[in-house]
């Protein structure tokens, strides 16, 4: 689960697009892709949780990662547009 946050409350609805991009983790094999989703925060709301499904299997794997990218913000300015999600490996 990811948390998007605003540094201060807005008096207006805030919308931002979010999409995922493969790294060592592959969409459809390791996680459920976010092709392009719009996340909305209501006036006064400062955080919004975004769930990205993980796809488990029974094979031991090293830690893997993928990126998420924010774009097209409405009523806000994006401070950091890309982040990395790490899927911890298991034995």
PDB file of N, CA and C in Angstrom:
ATOM      1  N   UNK A   1       0.849  -1.172   0.000  1.00  0.00           N
ATOM      2  CA  UNK A   1       0.000   0.000   0.000  1.00  0.00           C
ATOM      3  C   UNK A   1       0.899   1.240   0.000  1.00  0.00           C
ATOM      4  N   UNK A   2       0.547   2.193  -0.820  1.00  0.00           N
ATOM      5  CA  UNK A   2       1.265   3.458  -0.902  1.00  0.00           C
ATOM      6  C   UNK A   2       0.407   4.549  -0.274  1.00  0.00           C
ATOM      7  N   UNK A   3       1.051   5.569   0.233  1.00  0.00           N
ATOM      8  CA  UNK A   3       0.321   6.712   0.757  1.00  0.00           C
ATOM      9  C   UNK A   3       0.764   7.958   0.007  1.00  0.00           C
ATOM     10  N   UNK A   4      -0.181   8.613  -0.638  1.00  0.00           N
ATOM     11  CA  UNK A   4       0.068   9.909  -1.266  1.00  0.00           C
ATOM     12  C   UNK A   4      -0.276  10.965  -0.230  1.00  0.00           C
ATOM     13  N   UNK A   5       0.537  12.016  -0.157  1.00  0.00           N
ATOM     14  CA  UNK A   5       0.243  13.032   0.848  1.00  0.00           C
ATOM     15  C   UNK A   5       0.472  14.432   0.314  1.00  0.00           C
ATOM     16  N   UNK A   6      -0.316  15.352   0.864  1.00  0.00           N
ATOM     17  CA  UNK A   6      -0.177  16.768   0.589  1.00  0.00           C
ATOM     18  C   UNK A   6       0.534  17.392   1.783  1.00  0.00           C
ATOM     19  N   UNK A   7       1.356  18.401   1.539  1.00  0.00           N
ATOM     20  CA  UNK A   7       2.047  19.030   2.660  1.00  0.00           C
ATOM     21  C   UNK A   7       1.120  19.925   3.479  1.00  0.00           C
ATOM     22  N   UNK A   8      -0.016  20.306   2.888  1.00  0.00           N
ATOM     23  CA  UNK A   8      -1.017  21.069   3.633  1.00  0.00           C
ATOM     24  C   UNK A   8      -2.383  20.809   2.996  1.00  0.00           C
ATOM     25  N   UNK A   9      -3.457  20.960   3.765  1.00  0.00           N
ATOM     26  CA  UNK A   9      -4.791  20.727   3.221  1.00  0.00           C
ATOM     27  C   UNK A   9      -5.116  21.718   2.094  1.00  0.00           C
ATOM     28  N   UNK A  10      -5.885  21.263   1.156  1.00  0.00           N
ATOM     29  CA  UNK A  10      -6.353  22.119   0.066  1.00  0.00           C
ATOM     30  C   UNK A  10      -7.847  22.372   0.252  1.00  0.00           C
ATOM     31  N   UNK A  11      -8.286  23.527  -0.134  1.00  0.00           N
ATOM     32  CA  UNK A  11      -9.713  23.841  -0.092  1.00  0.00           C
ATOM     33  C   UNK A  11     -10.451  23.308  -1.310  1.00  0.00           C
ATOM     34  N   UNK A  12      -9.712  22.714  -2.236  1.00  0.00           N
ATOM     35  CA  UNK A  12     -10.302  22.170  -3.459  1.00  0.00           C
ATOM     36  C   UNK A  12      -9.968  20.686  -3.574  1.00  0.00           C
ATOM     37  N   UNK A  13     -10.744  19.993  -4.382  1.00  0.00           N
ATOM     38  CA  UNK A  13     -10.435  18.591  -4.689  1.00  0.00           C
ATOM     39  C   UNK A  13      -9.106  18.540  -5.441  1.00  0.00           C
ATOM     40  N   UNK A  14      -8.265  17.591  -5.075  1.00  0.00           N
ATOM     41  CA  UNK A  14      -6.976  17.390  -5.730  1.00  0.00           C
ATOM     42  C   UNK A  14      -7.011  16.051  -6.460  1.00  0.00           C
ATOM     43  N   UNK A  15      -6.641  16.068  -7.733  1.00  0.00           N
ATOM     44  CA  UNK A  15      -6.555  14.857  -8.536  1.00  0.00           C
ATOM     45  C   UNK A  15      -5.127  14.699  -9.036  1.00  0.00           C
ATOM     46  N   UNK A  16      -4.659  13.459  -9.075  1.00  0.00           N
ATOM     47  CA  UNK A  16      -3.339  13.166  -9.625  1.00  0.00           C
ATOM     48  C   UNK A  16      -3.394  11.781 -10.267  1.00  0.00           C
ATOM     49  N   UNK A  17      -2.738  11.642 -11.392  1.00  0.00           N
ATOM     50  CA  UNK A  17      -2.663  10.352 -12.063  1.00  0.00           C
ATOM     51  C   UNK A  17      -1.471   9.577 -11.517  1.00  0.00           C
ATOM     52  N   UNK A  18      -1.626   8.265 -11.410  1.00  0.00           N
ATOM     53  CA  UNK A  18      -0.559   7.391 -10.940  1.00  0.00           C
ATOM     54  C   UNK A  18      -0.479   6.187 -11.873  1.00  0.00           C
ATOM     55  N   UNK A  19       0.733   5.793 -12.203  1.00  0.00           N
ATOM     56  CA  UNK A  19       0.955   4.626 -13.056  1.00  0.00           C
ATOM     57  C   UNK A  19       2.186   3.885 -12.550  1.00  0.00           C
ATOM     58  N   UNK A  20       2.235   2.585 -12.801  1.00  0.00           N
ATOM     59  CA  UNK A  20       3.382   1.784 -12.397  1.00  0.00           C
ATOM     60  C   UNK A  20       4.230   1.423 -13.614  1.00  0.00           C
ATOM     61  N   UNK A  21       5.515   1.183 -13.348  1.00  0.00           N
ATOM     62  CA  UNK A  21       6.459   0.809 -14.402  1.00  0.00           C
ATOM     63  C   UNK A  21       7.365  -0.290 -13.865  1.00  0.00           C
ATOM     64  N   UNK A  22       7.567  -1.309 -14.674  1.00  0.00           N
ATOM     65  CA  UNK A  22       8.396  -2.441 -14.258  1.00  0.00           C
ATOM     66  C   UNK A  22       9.820  -2.027 -13.944  1.00  0.00           C
ATOM     67  N   UNK A  23      10.362  -2.718 -12.995  1.00  0.00           N
ATOM     68  CA  UNK A  23      11.793  -2.678 -12.686  1.00  0.00           C
ATOM     69  C   UNK A  23      12.223  -4.128 -12.707  1.00  0.00           C
ATOM     70  N   UNK A  24      12.800  -4.596 -11.618  1.00  0.00           N
ATOM     71  CA  UNK A  24      13.094  -6.026 -11.534  1.00  0.00           C
ATOM     72  C   UNK A  24      11.814  -6.823 -11.275  1.00  0.00           C
ATOM     73  N   UNK A  25      10.796  -6.183 -10.699  1.00  0.00           N
ATOM     74  CA  UNK A  25       9.472  -6.797 -10.551  1.00  0.00           C
ATOM     75  C   UNK A  25       8.681  -6.537 -11.832  1.00  0.00           C
ATOM     76  N   UNK A  26       7.975  -7.565 -12.285  1.00  0.00           N
ATOM     77  CA  UNK A  26       7.256  -7.507 -13.556  1.00  0.00           C
ATOM     78  C   UNK A  26       5.751  -7.527 -13.305  1.00  0.00           C
ATOM     79  N   UNK A  27       5.043  -6.567 -13.923  1.00  0.00           N
ATOM     80  CA  UNK A  27       3.578  -6.526 -13.824  1.00  0.00           C
ATOM     81  C   UNK A  27       3.011  -7.813 -14.410  1.00  0.00           C
ATOM     82  N   UNK A  28       2.012  -8.362 -13.741  1.00  0.00           N
ATOM     83  CA  UNK A  28       1.386  -9.597 -14.187  1.00  0.00           C
ATOM     84  C   UNK A  28       2.066 -10.833 -13.639  1.00  0.00           C
ATOM     85  N   UNK A  29       3.316 -10.700 -13.198  1.00  0.00           N
ATOM     86  CA  UNK A  29       4.034 -11.815 -12.572  1.00  0.00           C
ATOM     87  C   UNK A  29       4.251 -11.563 -11.084  1.00  0.00           C
ATOM     88  N   UNK A  30       4.610 -10.326 -10.751  1.00  0.00           N
ATOM     89  CA  UNK A  30       4.949  -9.986  -9.370  1.00  0.00           C
ATOM     90  C   UNK A  30       3.963  -9.016  -8.722  1.00  0.00           C
ATOM     91  N   UNK A  31       3.329  -8.193  -9.515  1.00  0.00           N
ATOM     92  CA  UNK A  31       2.374  -7.215  -8.986  1.00  0.00           C
ATOM     93  C   UNK A  31       1.324  -6.901 -10.056  1.00  0.00           C
ATOM     94  N   UNK A  32       0.233  -6.292  -9.624  1.00  0.00           N
ATOM     95  CA  UNK A  32      -0.842  -5.905 -10.530  1.00  0.00           C
ATOM     96  C   UNK A  32      -0.573  -4.480 -11.011  1.00  0.00           C
ATOM     97  N   UNK A  33      -0.430  -4.317 -12.316  1.00  0.00           N
ATOM     98  CA  UNK A  33      -0.071  -3.015 -12.885  1.00  0.00           C
ATOM     99  C   UNK A  33      -1.141  -1.962 -12.641  1.00  0.00           C
ATOM    100  N   UNK A  34      -0.683  -0.734 -12.448  1.00  0.00           N
ATOM    101  CA  UNK A  34      -1.548   0.446 -12.475  1.00  0.00           C
ATOM    102  C   UNK A  34      -1.263   1.110 -13.807  1.00  0.00           C
ATOM    103  N   UNK A  35      -2.118   0.898 -14.779  1.00  0.00           N
ATOM    104  CA  UNK A  35      -1.847   1.432 -16.109  1.00  0.00           C
ATOM    105  C   UNK A  35      -1.946   2.944 -16.114  1.00  0.00           C
ATOM    106  N   UNK A  36      -2.968   3.476 -15.579  1.00  0.00           N
ATOM    107  CA  UNK A  36      -3.123   4.915 -15.363  1.00  0.00           C
ATOM    108  C   UNK A  36      -4.404   5.095 -14.566  1.00  0.00           C
ATOM    109  N   UNK A  37      -4.238   5.404 -13.318  1.00  0.00           N
ATOM    110  CA  UNK A  37      -5.380   5.588 -12.431  1.00  0.00           C
ATOM    111  C   UNK A  37      -5.351   7.006 -11.900  1.00  0.00           C
ATOM    112  N   UNK A  38      -6.518   7.580 -11.685  1.00  0.00           N
ATOM    113  CA  UNK A  38      -6.602   8.909 -11.085  1.00  0.00           C
ATOM    114  C   UNK A  38      -6.974   8.761  -9.620  1.00  0.00           C
ATOM    115  N   UNK A  39      -6.183   9.378  -8.774  1.00  0.00           N
ATOM    116  CA  UNK A  39      -6.423   9.374  -7.334  1.00  0.00           C
ATOM    117  C   UNK A  39      -6.942  10.761  -6.962  1.00  0.00           C
ATOM    118  N   UNK A  40      -7.996  10.794  -6.162  1.00  0.00           N
ATOM    119  CA  UNK A  40      -8.594  12.072  -5.755  1.00  0.00           C
ATOM    120  C   UNK A  40      -8.560  12.221  -4.247  1.00  0.00           C
ATOM    121  N   UNK A  41      -8.231  13.421  -3.803  1.00  0.00           N
ATOM    122  CA  UNK A  41      -8.304  13.779  -2.394  1.00  0.00           C
ATOM    123  C   UNK A  41      -9.376  14.855  -2.263  1.00  0.00           C
ATOM    124  N   UNK A  42     -10.266  14.692  -1.314  1.00  0.00           N
ATOM    125  CA  UNK A  42     -11.335  15.660  -1.114  1.00  0.00           C
ATOM    126  C   UNK A  42     -10.787  16.899  -0.410  1.00  0.00           C
ATOM    127  N   UNK A  43     -11.501  18.025  -0.492  1.00  0.00           N
ATOM    128  CA  UNK A  43     -11.029  19.225   0.207  1.00  0.00           C
ATOM    129  C   UNK A  43     -10.751  18.933   1.684  1.00  0.00           C
ATOM    130  N   UNK A  44      -9.579  19.350   2.152  1.00  0.00           N
ATOM    131  CA  UNK A  44      -9.190  19.134   3.538  1.00  0.00           C
ATOM    132  C   UNK A  44      -8.447  17.832   3.792  1.00  0.00           C
ATOM    133  N   UNK A  45      -8.549  16.880   2.887  1.00  0.00           N
ATOM    134  CA  UNK A  45      -7.868  15.594   3.046  1.00  0.00           C
ATOM    135  C   UNK A  45      -6.387  15.750   2.689  1.00  0.00           C
ATOM    136  N   UNK A  46      -5.499  15.212   3.506  1.00  0.00           N
ATOM    137  CA  UNK A  46      -4.069  15.367   3.241  1.00  0.00           C
ATOM    138  C   UNK A  46      -3.367  14.063   2.858  1.00  0.00           C
ATOM    139  N   UNK A  47      -4.026  12.921   3.049  1.00  0.00           N
ATOM    140  CA  UNK A  47      -3.429  11.654   2.632  1.00  0.00           C
ATOM    141  C   UNK A  47      -4.455  10.776   1.935  1.00  0.00           C
ATOM    142  N   UNK A  48      -3.944   9.938   1.058  1.00  0.00           N
ATOM    143  CA  UNK A  48      -4.793   8.970   0.359  1.00  0.00           C
ATOM    144  C   UNK A  48      -3.975   7.706   0.165  1.00  0.00           C
ATOM    145  N   UNK A  49      -4.517   6.584   0.548  1.00  0.00           N
ATOM    146  CA  UNK A  49      -3.835   5.306   0.372  1.00  0.00           C
ATOM    147  C   UNK A  49      -4.209   4.689  -0.963  1.00  0.00           C
ATOM    148  N   UNK A  50      -3.202   4.137  -1.615  1.00  0.00           N
ATOM    149  CA  UNK A  50      -3.388   3.474  -2.906  1.00  0.00           C
ATOM    150  C   UNK A  50      -2.893   2.041  -2.744  1.00  0.00           C
ATOM    151  N   UNK A  51      -3.743   1.091  -3.054  1.00  0.00           N
ATOM    152  CA  UNK A  51      -3.378  -0.312  -2.941  1.00  0.00           C
ATOM    153  C   UNK A  51      -2.932  -0.845  -4.291  1.00  0.00           C
ATOM    154  N   UNK A  52      -1.777  -1.478  -4.299  1.00  0.00           N
ATOM    155  CA  UNK A  52      -1.278  -2.159  -5.489  1.00  0.00           C
ATOM    156  C   UNK A  52      -1.153  -3.629  -5.109  1.00  0.00           C
ATOM    157  N   UNK A  53      -1.877  -4.481  -5.829  1.00  0.00           N
ATOM    158  CA  UNK A  53      -1.867  -5.897  -5.509  1.00  0.00           C
ATOM    159  C   UNK A  53      -0.550  -6.567  -5.851  1.00  0.00           C
ATOM    160  N   UNK A  54      -0.114  -7.441  -4.958  1.00  0.00           N
ATOM    161  CA  UNK A  54       1.075  -8.241  -5.207  1.00  0.00           C
ATOM    162  C   UNK A  54       0.640  -9.632  -5.611  1.00  0.00           C
ATOM    163  N   UNK A  55       1.406 -10.251  -6.481  1.00  0.00           N
ATOM    164  CA  UNK A  55       1.103 -11.597  -6.949  1.00  0.00           C
ATOM    165  C   UNK A  55       2.129 -12.535  -6.321  1.00  0.00           C
ATOM    166  N   UNK A  56       1.675 -13.368  -5.427  1.00  0.00           N
ATOM    167  CA  UNK A  56       2.573 -14.280  -4.731  1.00  0.00           C
ATOM    168  C   UNK A  56       2.724 -15.593  -5.473  1.00  0.00           C
ATOM    169  N   UNK A  57       3.807 -16.263  -5.183  1.00  0.00           N
ATOM    170  CA  UNK A  57       4.009 -17.619  -5.681  1.00  0.00           C
ATOM    171  C   UNK A  57       4.771 -18.393  -4.619  1.00  0.00           C
ATOM    172  N   UNK A  58       5.042 -19.642  -4.873  1.00  0.00           N
ATOM    173  CA  UNK A  58       5.706 -20.477  -3.877  1.00  0.00           C
ATOM    174  C   UNK A  58       7.212 -20.577  -4.076  1.00  0.00           C
ATOM    175  N   UNK A  59       7.740 -19.877  -5.067  1.00  0.00           N
ATOM    176  CA  UNK A  59       9.160 -19.928  -5.351  1.00  0.00           C
ATOM    177  C   UNK A  59       9.914 -18.865  -4.559  1.00  0.00           C
ATOM    178  N   UNK A  60      11.043 -19.232  -3.956  1.00  0.00           N
ATOM    179  CA  UNK A  60      11.841 -18.205  -3.281  1.00  0.00           C
ATOM    180  C   UNK A  60      12.450 -17.256  -4.311  1.00  0.00           C
ATOM    181  N   UNK A  61      12.374 -15.980  -4.036  1.00  0.00           N
ATOM    182  CA  UNK A  61      12.892 -14.967  -4.962  1.00  0.00           C
ATOM    183  C   UNK A  61      13.638 -13.903  -4.167  1.00  0.00           C
ATOM    184  N   UNK A  62      14.579 -13.231  -4.802  1.00  0.00           N
ATOM    185  CA  UNK A  62      15.225 -12.096  -4.144  1.00  0.00           C
ATOM    186  C   UNK A  62      14.257 -10.911  -4.111  1.00  0.00           C
ATOM    187  N   UNK A  63      14.614  -9.890  -3.377  1.00  0.00           N
ATOM    188  CA  UNK A  63      13.817  -8.662  -3.361  1.00  0.00           C
ATOM    189  C   UNK A  63      13.753  -8.092  -4.776  1.00  0.00           C
ATOM    190  N   UNK A  64      12.603  -7.548  -5.134  1.00  0.00           N
ATOM    191  CA  UNK A  64      12.408  -6.943  -6.451  1.00  0.00           C
ATOM    192  C   UNK A  64      11.753  -5.585  -6.264  1.00  0.00           C
ATOM    193  N   UNK A  65      11.754  -4.768  -7.303  1.00  0.00           N
ATOM    194  CA  UNK A  65      11.143  -3.445  -7.185  1.00  0.00           C
ATOM    195  C   UNK A  65      10.507  -3.013  -8.496  1.00  0.00           C
ATOM    196  N   UNK A  66       9.602  -2.047  -8.372  1.00  0.00           N
ATOM    197  CA  UNK A  66       9.001  -1.388  -9.530  1.00  0.00           C
ATOM    198  C   UNK A  66       8.785   0.064  -9.166  1.00  0.00           C
ATOM    199  N   UNK A  67       8.534   0.877 -10.173  1.00  0.00           N
ATOM    200  CA  UNK A  67       8.375   2.317  -9.957  1.00  0.00           C
ATOM    201  C   UNK A  67       6.917   2.731 -10.086  1.00  0.00           C
ATOM    202  N   UNK A  68       6.570   3.803  -9.389  1.00  0.00           N
ATOM    203  CA  UNK A  68       5.281   4.468  -9.590  1.00  0.00           C
ATOM    204  C   UNK A  68       5.576   5.918  -9.973  1.00  0.00           C
ATOM    205  N   UNK A  69       4.755   6.429 -10.860  1.00  0.00           N
ATOM    206  CA  UNK A  69       4.966   7.786 -11.365  1.00  0.00           C
ATOM    207  C   UNK A  69       3.678   8.580 -11.216  1.00  0.00           C
ATOM    208  N   UNK A  70       3.784   9.786 -10.685  1.00  0.00           N
ATOM    209  CA  UNK A  70       2.653  10.704 -10.542  1.00  0.00           C
ATOM    210  C   UNK A  70       2.721  11.749 -11.642  1.00  0.00           C
ATOM    211  N   UNK A  71       1.559  12.121 -12.176  1.00  0.00           N
ATOM    212  CA  UNK A  71       1.510  13.142 -13.228  1.00  0.00           C
ATOM    213  C   UNK A  71       0.145  13.816 -13.239  1.00  0.00           C
ATOM    214  N   UNK A  72       0.045  14.856 -14.026  1.00  0.00           N
ATOM    215  CA  UNK A  72      -1.227  15.556 -14.301  1.00  0.00           C
ATOM    216  C   UNK A  72      -1.971  15.989 -13.040  1.00  0.00           C
ATOM    217  N   UNK A  73      -1.271  16.583 -12.106  1.00  0.00           N
ATOM    218  CA  UNK A  73      -1.920  17.043 -10.878  1.00  0.00           C
ATOM    219  C   UNK A  73      -2.865  18.206 -11.166  1.00  0.00           C
ATOM    220  N   UNK A  74      -4.012  18.172 -10.527  1.00  0.00           N
ATOM    221  CA  UNK A  74      -4.997  19.245 -10.615  1.00  0.00           C
ATOM    222  C   UNK A  74      -5.165  19.818  -9.209  1.00  0.00           C
ATOM    223  N   UNK A  75      -4.976  21.122  -9.053  1.00  0.00           N
ATOM    224  CA  UNK A  75      -5.084  21.840  -7.783  1.00  0.00           C
ATOM    225  C   UNK A  75      -3.967  21.479  -6.800  1.00  0.00           C
ATOM    226  N   UNK A  76      -2.824  21.037  -7.326  1.00  0.00           N
ATOM    227  CA  UNK A  76      -1.659  20.731  -6.496  1.00  0.00           C
ATOM    228  C   UNK A  76      -0.422  20.731  -7.382  1.00  0.00           C
ATOM    229  N   UNK A  77       0.723  20.794  -6.740  1.00  0.00           N
ATOM    230  CA  UNK A  77       2.005  20.691  -7.437  1.00  0.00           C
ATOM    231  C   UNK A  77       2.684  19.428  -6.937  1.00  0.00           C
ATOM    232  N   UNK A  78       3.171  18.610  -7.847  1.00  0.00           N
ATOM    233  CA  UNK A  78       3.840  17.365  -7.471  1.00  0.00           C
ATOM    234  C   UNK A  78       5.269  17.686  -7.035  1.00  0.00           C
ATOM    235  N   UNK A  79       5.615  17.303  -5.815  1.00  0.00           N
ATOM    236  CA  UNK A  79       6.962  17.544  -5.303  1.00  0.00           C
ATOM    237  C   UNK A  79       7.941  16.486  -5.774  1.00  0.00           C
ATOM    238  N   UNK A  80       7.551  15.237  -5.686  1.00  0.00           N
ATOM    239  CA  UNK A  80       8.384  14.117  -6.138  1.00  0.00           C
ATOM    240  C   UNK A  80       7.504  13.246  -7.015  1.00  0.00           C
ATOM    241  N   UNK A  81       7.850  13.144  -8.295  1.00  0.00           N
ATOM    242  CA  UNK A  81       6.943  12.479  -9.218  1.00  0.00           C
ATOM    243  C   UNK A  81       7.177  10.980  -9.386  1.00  0.00           C
ATOM    244  N   UNK A  82       8.304  10.462  -8.909  1.00  0.00           N
ATOM    245  CA  UNK A  82       8.577   9.034  -9.064  1.00  0.00           C
ATOM    246  C   UNK A  82       9.056   8.437  -7.751  1.00  0.00           C
ATOM    247  N   UNK A  83       8.567   7.252  -7.460  1.00  0.00           N
ATOM    248  CA  UNK A  83       8.987   6.533  -6.263  1.00  0.00           C
ATOM    249  C   UNK A  83       9.204   5.070  -6.606  1.00  0.00           C
ATOM    250  N   UNK A  84       9.877   4.374  -5.713  1.00  0.00           N
ATOM    251  CA  UNK A  84      10.166   2.960  -5.901  1.00  0.00           C
ATOM    252  C   UNK A  84       9.457   2.133  -4.846  1.00  0.00           C
ATOM    253  N   UNK A  85       8.838   1.059  -5.292  1.00  0.00           N
ATOM    254  CA  UNK A  85       8.186   0.110  -4.394  1.00  0.00           C
ATOM    255  C   UNK A  85       9.049  -1.142  -4.372  1.00  0.00           C
ATOM    256  N   UNK A  86       9.421  -1.570  -3.183  1.00  0.00           N
ATOM    257  CA  UNK A  86      10.267  -2.749  -3.042  1.00  0.00           C
ATOM    258  C   UNK A  86       9.418  -3.901  -2.506  1.00  0.00           C
ATOM    259  N   UNK A  87       9.510  -5.035  -3.196  1.00  0.00           N
ATOM    260  CA  UNK A  87       8.850  -6.263  -2.763  1.00  0.00           C
ATOM    261  C   UNK A  87       9.933  -7.115  -2.117  1.00  0.00           C
ATOM    262  N   UNK A  88       9.788  -7.373  -0.840  1.00  0.00           N
ATOM    263  CA  UNK A  88      10.808  -8.134  -0.126  1.00  0.00           C
ATOM    264  C   UNK A  88      10.804  -9.585  -0.572  1.00  0.00           C
ATOM    265  N   UNK A  89      11.966 -10.146  -0.748  1.00  0.00           N
ATOM    266  CA  UNK A  89      12.090 -11.544  -1.161  1.00  0.00           C
ATOM    267  C   UNK A  89      11.889 -12.470   0.026  1.00  0.00           C
ATOM    268  N   UNK A  90      11.779 -13.724  -0.296  1.00  0.00           N
ATOM    269  CA  UNK A  90      11.610 -14.715   0.744  1.00  0.00           C
ATOM    270  C   UNK A  90      12.330 -15.989   0.366  1.00  0.00           C
ATOM    271  N   UNK A  91      12.615 -16.765   1.351  1.00  0.00           N
ATOM    272  CA  UNK A  91      13.308 -18.028   1.085  1.00  0.00           C
ATOM    273  C   UNK A  91      12.395 -19.194   1.294  1.00  0.00           C
TER     274      UNK A  91
END
